[in-house]
Amino acid sequence: MPRTVQIRDLDDDVYAGLVRRAAEAGVSVPELLRAEATRLASRPSIGEWLERTRQRPAGAGRAEILAALDEHRGAWPDAGR
């Protein structure tokens, strides 16, 4: 069942920004806010994201990362000059 959300006390400059963005996207302000709310609700919170990334196994160790960087950058300039 669809729900209705009402936001009160928006500053004039905030509402003007929403009107501008909606116009740029070719939609109404309610359509813009509906799309943004859908996008926001579909993404994990920062806490959820951090927890998932902590549980991910480490891919490469420090030595592998440094070796890849050295390979990408090429040889170091001669330090003796």
Protein backbone atom coordinates (compact mmCIF):
# COMPACT_ATOMS: atom_id res chain seq x y z
CA MET A 1 0.00 0.00 0.00
CA PRO A 2 1.49 3.36 -1.00
CA ARG A 3 2.25 5.80 1.79
CA THR A 4 2.20 9.58 1.85
CA VAL A 5 5.03 11.60 3.35
CA GLN A 6 4.73 15.29 4.12
CA ILE A 7 7.74 17.50 4.78
CA ARG A 8 7.09 20.74 6.62
CA ASP A 9 9.14 23.87 7.14
CA LEU A 10 11.46 23.66 4.15
CA ASP A 11 13.48 26.80 3.65
CA ASP A 12 12.62 28.75 0.50
CA ASP A 13 16.10 28.20 -0.94
CA VAL A 14 15.83 24.44 -0.38
CA TYR A 15 12.47 24.29 -2.15
CA ALA A 16 13.80 26.47 -4.97
CA GLY A 17 16.68 24.03 -5.38
CA LEU A 18 14.24 21.13 -5.57
CA VAL A 19 12.16 22.97 -8.19
CA ARG A 20 15.32 23.65 -10.22
CA ARG A 21 16.50 20.03 -10.06
CA ALA A 22 13.05 18.72 -10.91
CA ALA A 23 12.85 21.04 -13.91
CA GLU A 24 16.30 19.94 -15.08
CA ALA A 25 15.16 16.31 -14.86
CA GLY A 26 11.84 17.08 -16.57
CA VAL A 27 9.75 15.88 -13.62
CA SER A 28 7.67 17.41 -10.85
CA VAL A 29 9.03 18.00 -7.35
CA PRO A 30 6.99 15.07 -5.92
CA GLU A 31 8.32 12.78 -8.69
CA LEU A 32 11.88 13.90 -7.97
CA LEU A 33 11.46 13.29 -4.23
CA ARG A 34 9.81 9.90 -4.86
CA ALA A 35 12.76 8.81 -7.00
CA GLU A 36 15.28 10.09 -4.44
CA ALA A 37 13.44 8.38 -1.57
CA THR A 38 13.42 5.12 -3.54
CA ARG A 39 17.14 5.43 -4.24
CA LEU A 40 17.90 6.25 -0.61
CA ALA A 41 15.82 3.36 0.73
CA SER A 42 17.44 0.86 -1.63
CA ARG A 43 20.98 1.62 -0.48
CA PRO A 44 22.52 0.31 2.73
CA SER A 45 23.14 2.72 5.57
CA ILE A 46 26.75 3.71 6.21
CA GLY A 47 26.84 1.39 9.21
CA GLU A 48 25.52 -1.54 7.16
CA TRP A 49 28.00 -0.84 4.37
CA LEU A 50 30.94 -0.64 6.78
CA GLU A 51 29.92 -3.91 8.41
CA ARG A 52 29.70 -5.66 5.04
CA THR A 53 33.10 -4.35 3.97
CA ARG A 54 34.66 -5.47 7.26
CA GLN A 55 33.37 -8.99 6.65
CA ARG A 56 34.81 -9.11 3.12
CA PRO A 57 38.01 -11.14 2.85
CA ALA A 58 41.11 -9.10 2.13
CA GLY A 59 42.04 -9.44 -1.51
CA ALA A 60 45.68 -8.43 -1.68
CA GLY A 61 48.24 -7.81 0.99
CA ARG A 62 50.52 -4.83 1.34
CA ALA A 63 53.38 -6.43 -0.58
CA GLU A 64 51.14 -7.26 -3.56
CA ILE A 65 49.71 -3.73 -3.62
CA LEU A 66 53.17 -2.13 -3.52
CA ALA A 67 54.43 -4.47 -6.26
CA ALA A 68 51.45 -3.57 -8.46
CA LEU A 69 52.07 0.14 -7.88
CA ASP A 70 55.76 -0.26 -8.73
CA GLU A 71 54.82 -2.14 -11.91
CA HIS A 72 52.34 0.57 -12.89
CA ARG A 73 54.67 3.49 -12.17
CA GLY A 74 57.76 1.94 -13.70
CA ALA A 75 61.32 2.09 -12.44
CA TRP A 76 62.21 4.61 -9.78
CA PRO A 77 64.64 7.36 -10.85
CA ASP A 78 68.26 6.81 -9.89
CA ALA A 79 68.62 8.17 -6.35
CA GLY A 80 72.41 8.57 -6.73
CA ARG A 81 72.29 11.52 -9.12
